Amino acid sequence: MEEIRDNLVARIAEAEREGWLGEVEGLRISLAGAEDRLVHMDRRASGGTAVDLGMPRIAPAQFTQVEETASLAQSLDDQQ
């Protein structure tokens, strides 16, 4: 990633020398992304710790009286 960043810096200098303004802007955006990625990589390498979130629990389905009544009514309608 550092090589990519260094290459982008060199390409920006070349584009500025040549007057390629659109190219310069695009390369600066890419450079900002590469530098951001390097920061994130450095943070990870600096010994970040994992956080145990535990296992998710799925509660069993519980029907309410309204749902049971609606299901019964739908069943009766389907039979007719």
Protein backbone atom coordinates (compact mmCIF):
# COMPACT_ATOMS: atom_id res chain seq x y z
CA MET A 1 0.00 0.00 0.00
CA GLU A 2 2.93 2.32 0.68
CA GLU A 3 4.23 1.67 -2.85
CA ILE A 4 0.84 2.58 -4.25
CA ARG A 5 0.81 5.79 -2.22
CA ASP A 6 4.33 6.69 -3.38
CA ASN A 7 3.39 5.97 -6.99
CA LEU A 8 0.33 8.20 -6.69
CA VAL A 9 2.46 11.05 -5.33
CA ALA A 10 4.80 10.70 -8.32
CA ARG A 11 1.89 10.58 -10.76
CA ILE A 12 0.35 13.70 -9.20
CA ALA A 13 3.63 15.55 -9.65
CA GLU A 14 3.80 14.45 -13.29
CA ALA A 15 0.18 15.44 -13.94
CA GLU A 16 0.75 18.87 -12.38
CA ARG A 17 3.86 19.35 -14.53
CA GLU A 18 1.92 18.43 -17.65
CA GLY A 19 -1.11 20.52 -16.72
CA TRP A 20 -3.52 17.59 -16.58
CA LEU A 21 -5.88 19.16 -14.04
CA GLY A 22 -8.58 16.50 -14.24
CA GLU A 23 -6.01 13.79 -13.77
CA VAL A 24 -4.55 15.61 -10.76
CA GLU A 25 -7.94 15.73 -9.03
CA GLY A 26 -8.62 12.03 -9.60
CA LEU A 27 -5.16 11.08 -8.39
CA ARG A 28 -5.57 13.18 -5.24
CA ILE A 29 -8.79 11.36 -4.46
CA SER A 30 -7.00 8.03 -4.93
CA LEU A 31 -4.12 9.25 -2.76
CA ALA A 32 -6.51 10.21 0.04
CA GLY A 33 -8.04 6.73 -0.13
CA ALA A 34 -4.63 5.05 -0.01
CA GLU A 35 -3.55 7.15 2.96
CA ASP A 36 -6.80 6.37 4.77
CA ARG A 37 -6.28 2.66 4.14
CA LEU A 38 -2.74 2.88 5.52
CA VAL A 39 -4.06 4.51 8.70
CA HIS A 40 -6.58 1.69 9.15
CA MET A 41 -3.91 -0.92 8.54
CA ASP A 42 -1.64 0.72 11.11
CA ARG A 43 -4.43 0.70 13.70
CA ARG A 44 -5.02 -3.00 13.17
CA ALA A 45 -1.32 -3.78 13.43
CA SER A 46 -0.98 -1.80 16.64
CA GLY A 47 -2.64 -4.54 18.65
CA GLY A 48 -6.31 -3.80 18.57
CA THR A 49 -8.37 -6.18 20.66
CA ALA A 50 -11.33 -8.23 19.59
CA VAL A 51 -14.62 -7.75 21.37
CA ASP A 52 -16.68 -10.83 22.16
CA LEU A 53 -20.27 -10.04 21.24
CA GLY A 54 -21.55 -13.44 22.28
CA MET A 55 -23.95 -15.64 20.39
CA PRO A 56 -27.28 -14.21 19.30
CA ARG A 57 -30.34 -15.74 20.89
CA ILE A 58 -33.47 -16.32 18.93
CA ALA A 59 -36.58 -16.19 21.06
CA PRO A 60 -39.23 -18.78 20.30
CA ALA A 61 -42.26 -17.52 18.46
CA GLN A 62 -45.14 -16.59 20.72
CA PHE A 63 -48.59 -16.18 19.27
CA THR A 64 -50.97 -13.67 20.73
CA GLN A 65 -54.68 -14.26 21.01
CA VAL A 66 -55.28 -11.83 18.12
CA GLU A 67 -52.93 -13.75 15.80
CA GLU A 68 -54.55 -17.09 16.68
CA THR A 69 -58.03 -15.67 16.04
CA ALA A 70 -56.93 -14.20 12.72
CA SER A 71 -55.38 -17.52 11.69
CA LEU A 72 -58.57 -19.38 12.57
CA ALA A 73 -60.68 -16.90 10.60
CA GLN A 74 -58.36 -17.21 7.58
CA SER A 75 -58.52 -21.02 7.76
CA LEU A 76 -62.31 -20.92 7.80
CA ASP A 77 -62.35 -18.56 4.82
CA ASP A 78 -59.99 -20.82 2.88
CA GLN A 79 -62.25 -23.85 3.44
CA GLN A 80 -65.31 -22.14 1.97
